Protein backbone atom coordinates (compact mmCIF):
# COMPACT_ATOMS: atom_id res chain seq x y z
CA MET A 1 80.31 52.84 15.76
CA MET A 2 78.34 54.63 18.03
CA PHE A 3 75.79 56.66 15.28
CA PRO A 4 74.69 54.19 13.67
CA LYS A 5 73.38 51.56 16.49
CA SER A 6 71.79 54.50 18.04
CA PHE A 7 70.27 55.69 14.62
CA GLY A 8 69.15 52.19 14.38
CA ILE A 9 67.13 52.39 17.94
CA VAL A 10 65.66 55.99 16.96
CA LEU A 11 64.76 54.76 13.76
CA CYS A 12 62.89 51.56 15.95
CA LEU A 13 60.97 53.54 18.34
CA LEU A 14 60.12 56.20 15.68
CA GLY A 15 58.35 53.09 13.71
CA MET A 16 56.63 52.19 17.14
CA PHE A 17 55.01 55.47 17.39
CA VAL A 18 54.45 55.99 14.07
CA GLY A 19 52.43 52.40 13.92
CA GLN A 20 50.50 52.98 17.04
CA ALA A 21 49.47 56.62 15.35
CA GLN A 22 47.88 54.91 12.77
CA ASP A 23 45.88 51.87 14.63
CA SER A 24 44.56 54.35 16.88
CA LEU A 25 43.50 56.96 13.88
CA GLN A 26 41.52 53.76 12.21
CA VAL A 27 38.17 54.63 11.93
CA LYS A 28 35.35 51.77 11.10
CA GLU A 29 33.22 53.29 8.87
CA PRO A 30 29.37 52.70 9.03
CA LYS A 31 27.99 49.98 6.25
CA VAL A 32 26.15 51.55 3.48
CA ILE A 33 22.75 50.45 2.50
CA ASP A 34 21.28 50.53 -0.76
CA PRO A 35 17.82 50.10 -0.40
CA LEU A 36 17.32 49.10 -4.14
CA SER A 37 20.07 46.45 -4.40
CA PRO A 38 17.04 43.92 -3.54
CA ALA A 39 15.59 44.74 -6.67
CA LYS A 40 18.48 44.82 -8.70
CA ALA A 41 19.32 41.65 -7.64
CA ALA A 42 15.42 40.19 -8.50
CA PHE A 43 15.85 41.96 -11.77
CA TYR A 44 19.03 40.52 -12.36
CA SER A 45 17.71 36.88 -11.65
CA ALA A 46 14.72 37.44 -13.93
CA VAL A 47 17.17 38.69 -16.47
CA LEU A 48 19.57 35.31 -16.47
CA PRO A 49 19.26 33.08 -13.51
CA GLY A 50 21.69 32.86 -11.42
CA LEU A 51 23.11 36.93 -12.02
CA GLY A 52 21.03 37.74 -8.69
CA GLN A 53 23.33 35.49 -6.83
CA ILE A 54 26.49 36.77 -8.52
CA HIS A 55 25.39 40.46 -7.83
CA ASN A 56 24.59 39.10 -4.28
CA LYS A 57 28.54 37.48 -4.15
CA LYS A 58 26.86 34.33 -3.28
CA TYR A 59 29.00 32.37 -6.13
CA TRP A 60 28.49 29.18 -4.46
CA LYS A 61 24.76 28.62 -5.36
CA LEU A 62 25.33 29.32 -8.65
CA PRO A 63 26.20 25.05 -9.73
CA LEU A 64 22.62 24.32 -7.52
CA LEU A 65 20.92 26.43 -9.39
CA TYR A 66 21.97 25.56 -12.76
CA GLY A 67 22.47 21.22 -12.16
CA GLY A 68 18.77 22.26 -11.39
CA LEU A 69 17.29 23.90 -14.41
CA GLY A 70 19.66 21.59 -16.34
CA ALA A 71 18.29 18.16 -14.68
CA ALA A 72 14.35 19.67 -15.29
CA ILE A 73 14.89 20.85 -18.91
CA TYR A 74 16.29 17.62 -19.89
CA SER A 75 13.45 15.95 -18.17
CA PHE A 76 11.04 18.01 -20.36
CA ASP A 77 12.84 17.49 -23.46
CA PHE A 78 13.37 13.74 -23.13
CA ASN A 79 9.70 13.17 -21.79
CA ASN A 80 8.60 15.80 -25.13
CA LYS A 81 10.70 12.95 -27.57
CA ARG A 82 8.83 10.10 -26.00
CA HIS A 83 5.18 11.83 -25.75
CA LYS A 84 5.65 12.64 -29.58
CA ARG A 85 6.85 8.96 -30.58
CA TYR A 86 3.71 7.17 -28.66
CA ARG A 87 1.56 10.23 -30.08
CA ASN A 88 2.56 9.78 -33.87
CA ALA A 89 2.60 5.66 -33.59
CA TYR A 90 -0.76 5.92 -32.25
CA LYS A 91 -2.13 7.84 -34.73
CA SER A 92 -0.45 6.05 -37.55
CA ARG A 93 -2.11 2.77 -36.31
CA MET A 94 -5.43 4.60 -35.94
CA ALA A 95 -5.14 5.74 -39.83
CA GLY A 96 -4.81 1.76 -40.36
CA TYR A 97 -0.84 1.61 -41.16
CA SER A 98 1.11 -0.90 -39.29
CA ASN A 99 4.89 0.54 -39.99
CA ASP A 100 5.47 2.81 -36.61
CA GLU A 101 8.13 1.67 -34.14
CA PHE A 102 6.21 0.02 -31.66
CA PHE A 103 4.28 -1.93 -34.07
CA ASP A 104 6.51 -5.24 -32.86
CA ILE A 105 6.72 -4.30 -28.57
CA ILE A 106 3.58 -3.42 -28.07
CA THR A 107 0.28 -5.04 -29.67
CA GLU A 108 -2.37 -3.45 -28.31
CA ASP A 109 -3.23 0.47 -28.79
CA ASP A 110 -4.36 0.91 -25.24
CA ARG A 111 -0.60 0.74 -23.79
CA LEU A 112 0.31 3.51 -26.80
CA LEU A 113 -2.15 5.64 -25.06
CA ASP A 114 -0.98 4.82 -21.38
CA GLY A 115 2.67 5.56 -22.63
CA GLN A 116 1.71 8.86 -24.48
CA ASN A 117 -0.07 9.91 -21.17
CA PHE A 118 2.55 8.61 -19.12
CA HIS A 119 5.09 10.76 -20.94
CA LYS A 120 2.99 13.86 -21.12
CA ARG A 121 2.27 13.86 -17.38
CA ASN A 122 6.01 13.90 -16.46
CA ARG A 123 6.56 16.79 -18.91
CA ASP A 124 4.30 18.65 -17.65
CA LEU A 125 5.88 18.18 -14.25
CA ALA A 126 9.17 18.92 -15.94
CA MET A 127 7.98 22.08 -16.80
CA VAL A 128 6.20 22.85 -13.38
CA PHE A 129 10.29 22.64 -11.77
CA ILE A 130 11.69 24.47 -14.51
CA VAL A 131 9.41 27.80 -13.48
CA GLY A 132 9.55 26.61 -10.17
CA ILE A 133 13.25 26.81 -10.00
CA TYR A 134 13.26 30.05 -12.05
CA LEU A 135 11.10 31.48 -9.56
CA LEU A 136 13.15 30.43 -6.51
CA ASN A 137 16.36 31.67 -8.34
CA ILE A 138 14.75 34.93 -8.27
CA LEU A 139 13.20 35.20 -4.49
CA ASP A 140 16.68 33.80 -3.40
CA ALA A 141 18.54 36.53 -4.81
CA ASN A 142 16.03 39.12 -3.63
CA VAL A 143 15.93 37.62 -0.16
CA ASP A 144 19.72 37.36 0.15
CA ALA A 145 20.40 40.72 -0.49
CA HIS A 146 17.84 42.08 1.66
CA LEU A 147 19.79 40.29 4.68
CA ASN A 148 22.69 41.38 3.47
CA GLN A 149 21.81 44.57 4.48
CA TYR A 150 20.22 43.25 7.77
CA ASN A 151 22.35 45.09 10.71
CA VAL A 152 24.21 41.90 12.34
CA ASN A 153 25.96 42.54 15.45
CA ASP A 154 26.56 42.16 19.11
CA GLN A 155 23.91 45.27 20.37
CA LEU A 156 20.76 42.87 19.38
CA THR A 157 21.05 39.47 21.18
CA PHE A 158 18.41 36.79 21.00
CA GLU A 159 19.08 34.01 23.53
CA PRO A 160 17.27 31.38 25.95
CA VAL A 161 17.20 32.15 29.29
CA MET A 162 16.98 29.83 32.67
CA GLU A 163 15.77 31.74 35.92
CA ASN A 164 14.91 30.41 39.62
CA ASN A 165 11.35 31.42 40.01
CA TYR A 166 10.96 32.08 43.99
CA TYR A 167 7.67 32.41 43.98
CA GLU A 168 6.53 28.97 42.58
CA LYS A 169 9.76 27.56 43.77
CA GLY A 170 11.25 26.08 40.29
CA THR A 171 12.62 27.33 37.46
CA THR A 172 11.22 29.46 34.75
CA VAL A 173 12.51 29.04 30.64
CA GLY A 174 11.90 31.73 28.06
CA LEU A 175 14.12 33.92 25.78
CA ALA A 176 15.30 37.18 26.25
CA ILE A 177 15.98 39.75 23.59
CA LYS A 178 18.63 42.15 24.60
CA TYR A 179 19.62 45.68 22.71
CA ASN A 180 22.47 47.27 23.68
CA PHE A 181 23.53 51.24 23.87
């Protein structure tokens, strides 16, 4: 009966020593920096919007990107259709026809031109938003890939400092940059 008890104690002690030896031998490997990662992320986002964010593992940005692009594309399509409707009605009236869809609603030709110009301006503005969101997508992927490579540790600190100034009998406020070796 004595053998199993001592055998269990030996196994426990052996497990503790092996566990400690494994913990003390762990070496933290330095982070490998890929200098082409920002260029890859920007290229991926240029090919397919959102692919650079996937490359950077920032999946939460995808709904924002596609929501913005979808809203801008919908606005462009809506205003483009309305612009064509007003333009065709105006052309029809200038040709002498009275069978356009706005004939009973809009009696003055100048109002048709106003509607046409309004929707043309909004269509063009929506195109500016589409291009802007696309370019911001590429810029975001590039900057985010750069920031993933940035060294963030406790060796470099930037903190506010407030010290007593004995010469002027007051306090001095400033910012301190510290680098620990």
